Amino acid sequence: MKNLLSKLRRMDWILSACMVALVVMGVVFINSAGSVRPTEALRSLWRVHASTALFGLVVYMAFAFLDYRKLLDWGALPVFAVSCVMLVAVLFAGTDRFGGRRWLWFFQPSEIAKLAVILFTAHVFAVAGRTDFRSFLAGLGILCGPAALVLAEPDLGTALVLVPSVIAMLLAARVWLKGLVTLLAVGLLAAGLVLWAVDRAEREPDPDARAKIYRFVPLHEHQIKRLRVFLFPETDRTGAGYNLRQAQIAVGSGGVWGKGLKKGQQKLLGYLPPSVSMNDFIFAVLAEEAGFMGVLLMLALFLGILGPGLRIAVRCPDDRGRLVVIGILTLIFCHLYVNVAMSVGLVPITGLPLPFISAGRTFLIVLMAALGIVQSVAVHHAEPAGDDRDEEQPT
């Protein structure tokens, strides 16, 4: 009992409270967004989110009390291997939804792969000071294998969000910094060339010349449409750019205090499609109904995760713990930035959900498990490795 109480005292309860508050916010706005859905099953998805969160809370506490060093020693490689096998399996036996094959039975392997990649990267690069070329190639191998499988689904957004998480961890581990900087420069150049090609093709009056340019763009048609909407938002307001336009109207019309819960007109009138209002564009519902102050509250709650998380990483003397926390925090805030930014047109539209708030069972459980591991670093980093006894007990 004394050992249990000691571990509870070492947990960061600000982080826990902010996580729970964000989940509650998700339940509230999924309920609001689902109120216009045509069937009771869709209208009650907020209950699914709430029950998933309760299960996720159990997972969160279980990982918090499990020594993260044991998890990395015994679980990092098996979890990574199993996640890769599931990513292969989903390509052959997965369910087609919304133009992609991303579901294996009732869960998404790509969401599990995000955490698996972070754990395995931390396990491999636990010792700072790795500056050799082989370590750099190993880091690329850990990233590129799952990313390529996710791209084959196809799911470009999920594949891309793995990149900053792994890069941040490799930078923290000082893995051949020159190589990482070069890789980032090449990546930015490639992204710039793709945007330039789409821009050049859309400005080309000759259809044949436009088609020739697009043959060199390594993207699917729906991905090119999203880039086209990003670069020229006024050209297809009733087609590919419809969701973005309605989300921008919803965000802009919320004002300071919002229109009130379940009173968002873009949602009520069906202009913001119900099929996206509970997941990809739930930020638009939140911004319209809770206004600028509601958005500030949401961002403050995320800062309540970032601040304690960074403090845990800085105080952790163990390289593995520090790298795990950095990777998890980077993953969460890449999702946050991309989801909010796409809702207002600052980045191309992707299918990345808003952490803890968007509907999605697999992603929610994975996030809560990930923050449980962050808490495990806070709880166990001061204990001798492999020893679960209370450090304060007399010897």
Protein backbone atom coordinates (compact mmCIF):
# COMPACT_ATOMS: atom_id res chain seq x y z
CA MET A 1 0.00 0.00 0.00
CA LYS A 2 2.82 2.39 0.86
CA ASN A 3 4.45 1.69 -2.49
CA LEU A 4 1.15 2.37 -4.30
CA LEU A 5 0.63 5.68 -2.49
CA SER A 6 4.19 6.70 -3.27
CA LYS A 7 3.60 6.08 -6.99
CA LEU A 8 0.36 8.03 -6.90
CA ARG A 9 2.19 10.98 -5.35
CA ARG A 10 4.79 10.93 -8.13
CA MET A 11 2.17 11.08 -10.88
CA ASP A 12 1.60 14.43 -12.53
CA TRP A 13 -2.05 15.11 -11.76
CA ILE A 14 -2.18 18.32 -13.80
CA LEU A 15 -1.46 16.26 -16.92
CA SER A 16 -4.10 13.72 -15.91
CA ALA A 17 -6.73 16.40 -15.20
CA CYS A 18 -6.11 18.13 -18.54
CA MET A 19 -6.37 14.84 -20.41
CA VAL A 20 -9.68 14.00 -18.72
CA ALA A 21 -11.01 17.51 -19.39
CA LEU A 22 -10.19 17.18 -23.10
CA VAL A 23 -11.96 13.82 -23.24
CA VAL A 24 -15.03 15.37 -21.58
CA MET A 25 -14.89 18.18 -24.13
CA GLY A 26 -14.85 15.52 -26.83
CA VAL A 27 -17.93 13.80 -25.40
CA VAL A 28 -19.79 17.13 -25.23
CA PHE A 29 -19.07 18.20 -28.81
CA ILE A 30 -19.48 14.74 -30.33
CA ASN A 31 -22.92 14.76 -28.71
CA SER A 32 -23.60 18.18 -30.22
CA ALA A 33 -22.31 17.22 -33.68
CA GLY A 34 -24.22 13.93 -33.63
CA SER A 35 -27.54 15.52 -32.71
CA VAL A 36 -28.29 16.11 -36.40
CA ARG A 37 -27.43 12.57 -37.53
CA PRO A 38 -30.33 10.55 -38.98
CA THR A 39 -30.09 7.39 -36.87
CA GLU A 40 -30.00 6.74 -33.14
CA ALA A 41 -26.74 4.77 -33.51
CA LEU A 42 -25.00 7.81 -34.98
CA ARG A 43 -26.61 10.21 -32.53
CA SER A 44 -25.34 8.11 -29.63
CA LEU A 45 -21.70 7.98 -30.73
CA TRP A 46 -20.88 10.24 -27.80
CA ARG A 47 -21.67 7.28 -25.55
CA VAL A 48 -19.17 5.20 -27.52
CA HIS A 49 -16.56 7.93 -27.00
CA ALA A 50 -17.35 8.07 -23.27
CA SER A 51 -17.22 4.28 -22.78
CA THR A 52 -14.00 4.10 -24.82
CA ALA A 53 -12.53 6.81 -22.61
CA LEU A 54 -13.43 4.84 -19.47
CA PHE A 55 -11.63 1.81 -20.86
CA GLY A 56 -8.78 4.08 -21.93
CA LEU A 57 -8.53 5.42 -18.39
CA VAL A 58 -7.96 1.89 -17.12
CA VAL A 59 -5.26 1.44 -19.78
CA TYR A 60 -3.79 4.81 -18.81
CA MET A 61 -3.43 3.84 -15.14
CA ALA A 62 -2.11 0.39 -16.02
CA PHE A 63 0.69 1.86 -18.14
CA ALA A 64 1.38 4.52 -15.51
CA PHE A 65 2.10 1.84 -12.89
CA LEU A 66 4.03 -0.40 -15.31
CA ASP A 67 7.75 0.44 -15.31
CA TYR A 68 8.42 1.93 -18.73
CA ARG A 69 11.89 0.33 -18.78
CA LYS A 70 10.33 -3.14 -18.58
CA LEU A 71 7.89 -2.15 -21.32
CA LEU A 72 10.74 -1.06 -23.59
CA ASP A 73 12.95 -4.04 -22.75
CA TRP A 74 10.29 -6.67 -23.27
CA GLY A 75 7.64 -5.02 -25.43
CA ALA A 76 9.18 -2.50 -27.83
CA LEU A 77 10.34 -5.00 -30.47
CA PRO A 78 7.31 -7.35 -30.28
CA VAL A 79 4.83 -4.46 -30.42
CA PHE A 80 6.69 -2.95 -33.39
CA ALA A 81 6.78 -6.30 -35.20
CA VAL A 82 3.10 -7.02 -34.55
CA SER A 83 2.08 -3.53 -35.69
CA CYS A 84 3.98 -4.05 -38.96
CA VAL A 85 2.28 -7.42 -39.47
CA MET A 86 -1.12 -5.78 -38.89
CA LEU A 87 -0.25 -3.02 -41.38
CA VAL A 88 0.45 -5.71 -43.97
CA ALA A 89 -2.70 -7.63 -43.04
CA VAL A 90 -4.93 -4.59 -43.42
CA LEU A 91 -3.83 -4.24 -47.06
CA PHE A 92 -5.23 -7.70 -47.82
CA ALA A 93 -8.03 -8.23 -45.30
CA GLY A 94 -8.92 -4.69 -44.27
CA THR A 95 -12.24 -2.92 -44.70
CA ASP A 96 -12.58 -0.22 -47.37
CA ARG A 97 -13.90 3.05 -45.95
CA PHE A 98 -13.79 6.54 -47.44
CA GLY A 99 -11.47 5.56 -50.28
CA GLY A 100 -8.89 3.75 -48.15
CA ARG A 101 -8.29 0.33 -46.60
CA ARG A 102 -7.41 1.29 -43.02
CA TRP A 103 -9.60 -0.86 -40.76
CA LEU A 104 -8.83 -4.36 -39.58
CA TRP A 105 -12.03 -5.62 -37.95
CA PHE A 106 -12.88 -2.90 -35.39
CA PHE A 107 -9.56 -1.05 -35.07
CA GLN A 108 -7.00 0.86 -37.13
CA PRO A 109 -3.50 -0.68 -37.14
CA SER A 110 -1.98 2.61 -38.31
CA GLU A 111 -2.94 4.24 -34.99
CA ILE A 112 -1.22 1.49 -33.03
CA ALA A 113 1.81 1.77 -35.32
CA LYS A 114 2.32 5.41 -34.27
CA LEU A 115 3.01 4.42 -30.67
CA ALA A 116 4.90 1.26 -31.69
CA VAL A 117 7.34 3.30 -33.80
CA ILE A 118 7.96 5.72 -30.91
CA LEU A 119 8.61 2.90 -28.41
CA PHE A 120 10.95 1.02 -30.73
CA THR A 121 12.85 4.17 -31.70
CA ALA A 122 13.39 5.02 -28.02
CA HIS A 123 14.53 1.46 -27.33
CA VAL A 124 17.08 1.50 -30.17
CA PHE A 125 18.43 5.01 -29.59
CA ALA A 126 18.45 5.09 -25.81
CA VAL A 127 22.07 6.22 -25.52
CA ALA A 128 22.71 9.86 -26.51
CA GLY A 129 25.74 10.65 -28.63
CA ARG A 130 25.10 8.26 -31.53
CA THR A 131 26.55 10.22 -34.42
CA ASP A 132 27.44 7.48 -36.88
CA PHE A 133 25.88 6.92 -40.28
CA ARG A 134 24.65 3.43 -39.37
CA SER A 135 22.51 4.84 -36.56
CA PHE A 136 21.04 7.35 -39.00
CA LEU A 137 20.13 4.57 -41.43
CA ALA A 138 18.63 2.52 -38.61
CA GLY A 139 16.41 5.45 -37.65
CA LEU A 140 15.27 5.84 -41.26
CA GLY A 141 14.55 2.11 -41.43
CA ILE A 142 12.35 2.21 -38.33
CA LEU A 143 10.43 5.14 -39.83
CA CYS A 144 10.21 4.16 -43.48
CA GLY A 145 8.92 0.61 -43.07
CA PRO A 146 5.64 1.45 -41.27
CA ALA A 147 5.30 4.75 -43.15
CA ALA A 148 5.45 2.95 -46.51
CA LEU A 149 2.80 0.45 -45.38
CA VAL A 150 0.53 3.27 -44.17
CA LEU A 151 1.02 5.10 -47.48
CA ALA A 152 -0.16 1.98 -49.29
CA GLU A 153 -3.58 2.12 -47.54
CA PRO A 154 -3.43 5.06 -48.66
CA ASP A 155 -3.16 7.38 -45.64
CA LEU A 156 -0.73 10.19 -46.36
CA GLY A 157 -1.60 12.21 -43.24
CA THR A 158 -0.80 9.40 -40.80
CA ALA A 159 2.41 8.54 -42.67
CA LEU A 160 3.58 12.15 -42.55
CA VAL A 161 2.81 12.61 -38.85
CA LEU A 162 5.24 9.80 -38.04
CA VAL A 163 8.09 11.83 -39.53
CA PRO A 164 8.31 14.73 -37.03
CA SER A 165 7.89 12.33 -34.08
CA VAL A 166 10.85 10.19 -35.13
CA ILE A 167 12.94 13.18 -36.25
CA ALA A 168 12.40 14.89 -32.88
CA MET A 169 13.54 11.74 -31.08
CA LEU A 170 16.61 11.34 -33.28
CA LEU A 171 17.52 14.99 -32.76
CA ALA A 172 17.22 14.52 -29.00
CA ALA A 173 19.46 11.44 -29.26
CA ARG A 174 21.95 13.41 -31.40
CA VAL A 175 21.88 10.83 -34.18
CA TRP A 176 24.12 12.27 -36.93
CA LEU A 177 22.76 15.81 -36.80
CA LYS A 178 24.16 16.74 -40.23
CA GLY A 179 22.26 13.85 -41.79
CA LEU A 180 19.03 14.82 -40.05
CA VAL A 181 19.33 18.44 -41.13
CA THR A 182 20.02 17.28 -44.69
CA LEU A 183 16.99 14.97 -44.57
CA LEU A 184 14.76 17.80 -43.35
CA ALA A 185 16.06 20.07 -46.10
CA VAL A 186 15.39 17.42 -48.75
CA GLY A 187 11.91 16.81 -47.36
CA LEU A 188 11.05 20.50 -47.41
CA LEU A 189 12.42 20.81 -50.95
CA ALA A 190 10.33 17.83 -52.11
CA ALA A 191 7.18 19.28 -50.53
CA GLY A 192 7.90 22.63 -52.16
CA LEU A 193 8.38 20.99 -55.56
CA VAL A 194 5.05 19.13 -55.25
CA LEU A 195 3.23 22.36 -54.34
CA TRP A 196 4.95 24.17 -57.21
CA ALA A 197 3.97 21.42 -59.67
CA VAL A 198 0.30 21.56 -58.62
CA ASP A 199 0.33 25.35 -58.79
CA ARG A 200 1.99 25.28 -62.22
CA ALA A 201 -0.46 22.66 -63.52
CA GLU A 202 -3.52 24.61 -62.37
CA ARG A 203 -2.27 27.74 -64.08
CA GLU A 204 -1.64 25.85 -67.31
CA PRO A 205 -4.44 26.56 -69.86
CA ASP A 206 -3.58 23.55 -72.02
CA PRO A 207 -5.24 20.36 -70.62
CA ASP A 208 -2.61 18.10 -72.22
CA ALA A 209 0.23 20.08 -70.68
CA ARG A 210 -1.55 20.01 -67.32
CA ALA A 211 -1.91 16.22 -67.52
CA LYS A 212 1.82 15.85 -68.30
CA ILE A 213 2.75 17.84 -65.20
CA TYR A 214 0.46 15.78 -62.98
CA ARG A 215 2.08 12.56 -64.21
CA PHE A 216 5.21 13.58 -62.31
CA VAL A 217 3.32 14.31 -59.05
CA PRO A 218 3.58 11.15 -56.85
CA LEU A 219 0.14 11.52 -55.28
CA HIS A 220 -3.32 10.00 -55.63
CA GLU A 221 -6.08 11.98 -57.30
CA HIS A 222 -7.89 12.80 -54.06
CA GLN A 223 -4.62 14.05 -52.55
CA ILE A 224 -4.01 16.30 -55.56
CA LYS A 225 -7.53 17.69 -55.14
CA ARG A 226 -6.74 18.60 -51.54
CA LEU A 227 -3.59 20.42 -52.58
CA ARG A 228 -5.56 22.18 -55.31
CA VAL A 229 -8.10 23.35 -52.75
CA PHE A 230 -5.30 24.51 -50.45
CA LEU A 231 -3.63 26.56 -53.18
CA PHE A 232 -6.81 27.78 -54.89
CA PRO A 233 -9.60 27.68 -52.27
CA GLU A 234 -12.00 29.76 -54.38
CA THR A 235 -11.98 27.50 -57.43
CA ASP A 236 -14.12 24.57 -56.20
CA ARG A 237 -16.30 25.76 -53.32
CA THR A 238 -19.11 23.31 -54.08
CA GLY A 239 -16.87 20.32 -54.72
CA ALA A 240 -13.52 19.39 -53.16
CA GLY A 241 -13.33 22.70 -51.30
CA TYR A 242 -16.83 22.54 -49.80
CA ASN A 243 -15.89 21.11 -46.38
CA LEU A 244 -13.09 23.62 -45.92
CA ARG A 245 -15.30 26.56 -46.85
CA GLN A 246 -18.05 25.53 -44.44
CA ALA A 247 -15.53 24.89 -41.65
CA GLN A 248 -14.04 28.35 -42.13
CA ILE A 249 -17.50 29.92 -41.96
CA ALA A 250 -18.24 27.96 -38.77
CA VAL A 251 -14.98 29.01 -37.11
CA GLY A 252 -15.34 32.64 -38.14
CA SER A 253 -18.96 32.95 -37.07
CA GLY A 254 -18.37 31.70 -33.53
CA GLY A 255 -17.25 35.09 -32.28
CA VAL A 256 -15.84 35.53 -28.79
CA TRP A 257 -18.30 33.44 -26.75
CA GLY A 258 -19.82 31.21 -29.44
CA LYS A 259 -23.44 30.52 -30.36
CA GLY A 260 -24.10 28.04 -27.58
CA LEU A 261 -24.01 24.28 -27.30
CA LYS A 262 -26.01 22.54 -30.07
CA LYS A 263 -26.79 25.93 -31.66
CA GLY A 264 -24.13 26.00 -34.38
CA GLN A 265 -25.96 26.91 -37.57
CA GLN A 266 -23.43 25.38 -39.97
CA LYS A 267 -24.05 22.03 -38.33
CA LEU A 268 -27.80 22.41 -37.75
CA LEU A 269 -28.48 23.45 -41.34
CA GLY A 270 -26.29 20.68 -42.71
CA TYR A 271 -23.78 22.96 -44.40
CA LEU A 272 -20.96 21.36 -42.39
CA PRO A 273 -21.47 17.72 -43.44
CA PRO A 274 -22.48 15.44 -40.54
CA SER A 275 -20.08 12.79 -41.85
CA VAL A 276 -17.06 14.93 -40.90
CA SER A 277 -18.38 17.12 -38.09
CA MET A 278 -17.71 14.51 -35.38
CA ASN A 279 -14.16 13.64 -36.42
CA ASP A 280 -12.00 15.54 -38.93
CA PHE A 281 -13.81 18.88 -38.55
CA ILE A 282 -15.00 18.73 -34.95
CA PHE A 283 -12.84 21.79 -34.25
CA ALA A 284 -15.20 23.80 -36.46
CA VAL A 285 -18.15 22.69 -34.31
CA LEU A 286 -16.27 23.58 -31.14
CA ALA A 287 -15.20 26.99 -32.47
CA GLU A 288 -18.70 27.93 -33.65
CA GLU A 289 -20.52 26.85 -30.50
CA ALA A 290 -17.90 27.74 -27.85
CA GLY A 291 -16.30 30.65 -29.66
CA PHE A 292 -12.81 32.08 -29.23
CA MET A 293 -12.92 31.53 -25.47
CA GLY A 294 -13.73 27.86 -25.94
CA VAL A 295 -10.80 27.49 -28.33
CA LEU A 296 -8.53 29.20 -25.79
CA LEU A 297 -9.72 26.77 -23.12
CA MET A 298 -8.97 23.83 -25.40
CA LEU A 299 -5.48 25.14 -26.17
CA ALA A 300 -4.85 25.80 -22.46
CA LEU A 301 -5.74 22.18 -21.70
CA PHE A 302 -3.28 20.97 -24.34
CA LEU A 303 -0.63 23.23 -22.81
CA GLY A 304 -1.49 21.53 -19.53
CA ILE A 305 -0.24 18.34 -21.17
CA LEU A 306 2.76 19.87 -22.96
CA GLY A 307 4.18 21.73 -19.94
CA PRO A 308 4.17 18.81 -17.47
CA GLY A 309 5.28 16.46 -20.25
CA LEU A 310 8.32 18.59 -21.05
CA ARG A 311 9.12 18.86 -17.36
CA ILE A 312 9.01 15.06 -17.06
CA ALA A 313 11.36 14.74 -20.06
CA VAL A 314 13.83 17.30 -18.69
CA ARG A 315 13.93 15.72 -15.22
CA CYS A 316 14.30 12.17 -16.50
CA PRO A 317 17.95 11.04 -16.26
CA ASP A 318 17.23 8.00 -18.41
CA ASP A 319 17.64 8.45 -22.15
CA ARG A 320 14.89 5.96 -22.97
CA GLY A 321 12.32 7.75 -20.85
CA ARG A 322 13.23 11.14 -22.23
CA LEU A 323 13.02 9.96 -25.85
CA VAL A 324 9.65 8.26 -25.31
CA VAL A 325 8.16 11.41 -23.79
CA ILE A 326 9.53 13.61 -26.59
CA GLY A 327 8.12 11.31 -29.27
CA ILE A 328 4.67 11.13 -27.66
CA LEU A 329 4.41 14.88 -27.10
CA THR A 330 5.49 15.55 -30.69
CA LEU A 331 2.87 13.13 -32.00
CA ILE A 332 0.06 14.76 -29.99
CA PHE A 333 0.92 18.30 -30.95
CA CYS A 334 1.46 17.50 -34.62
CA HIS A 335 -2.10 16.15 -34.63
CA LEU A 336 -3.34 19.24 -32.81
CA TYR A 337 -1.62 21.68 -35.16
CA VAL A 338 -2.59 19.92 -38.38
CA ASN A 339 -6.24 19.44 -37.38
CA VAL A 340 -6.75 23.05 -36.29
CA ALA A 341 -4.73 24.48 -39.18
CA MET A 342 -6.59 22.48 -41.83
CA SER A 343 -9.92 23.68 -40.43
CA VAL A 344 -8.96 27.28 -41.16
CA GLY A 345 -7.07 26.64 -44.41
CA LEU A 346 -3.47 27.00 -43.21
CA VAL A 347 -2.48 23.49 -44.32
CA PRO A 348 -3.99 21.04 -46.83
CA ILE A 349 -6.89 18.93 -45.60
CA THR A 350 -5.86 15.61 -44.08
CA GLY A 351 -7.69 12.95 -42.13
CA LEU A 352 -5.84 13.58 -38.86
CA PRO A 353 -8.21 13.69 -35.87
CA LEU A 354 -8.14 16.22 -33.03
CA PRO A 355 -6.54 14.43 -30.05
CA PHE A 356 -8.97 13.29 -27.32
CA ILE A 357 -11.86 15.23 -28.92
CA SER A 358 -12.52 13.67 -32.34
CA ALA A 359 -14.56 10.47 -32.46
CA GLY A 360 -12.34 7.44 -32.90
CA ARG A 361 -11.89 4.50 -30.57
CA THR A 362 -8.45 3.23 -31.59
CA PHE A 363 -6.84 6.67 -31.61
CA LEU A 364 -8.30 7.61 -28.23
CA ILE A 365 -7.11 4.40 -26.53
CA VAL A 366 -3.65 4.73 -28.09
CA LEU A 367 -3.35 8.34 -26.93
CA MET A 368 -4.39 7.50 -23.38
CA ALA A 369 -1.97 4.57 -23.32
CA ALA A 370 0.78 6.90 -24.59
CA LEU A 371 0.15 9.44 -21.84
CA GLY A 372 0.10 6.56 -19.37
CA ILE A 373 3.65 5.79 -20.50
CA VAL A 374 4.56 9.46 -19.96
CA GLN A 375 3.22 9.11 -16.42
CA SER A 376 5.25 5.92 -16.02
CA VAL A 377 8.39 7.91 -16.76
CA ALA A 378 7.40 10.40 -14.06
CA VAL A 379 6.66 7.62 -11.58
CA HIS A 380 9.53 5.21 -12.20
CA HIS A 381 12.53 7.17 -13.51
CA ALA A 382 13.91 7.69 -9.98
CA GLU A 383 13.63 4.01 -9.08
CA PRO A 384 16.48 1.56 -9.63
CA ALA A 385 15.96 -0.30 -12.89
CA GLY A 386 13.98 -3.49 -12.37
CA ASP A 387 13.03 -2.53 -8.81
CA ASP A 388 9.44 -1.74 -7.98
CA ARG A 389 10.09 -1.02 -4.33
CA ASP A 390 9.49 2.42 -2.85
CA GLU A 391 12.71 4.38 -3.06
CA GLU A 392 11.88 6.00 0.30
CA GLN A 393 11.73 2.73 2.22
CA PRO A 394 14.57 2.24 4.72
CA THR A 395 17.28 -0.24 3.80
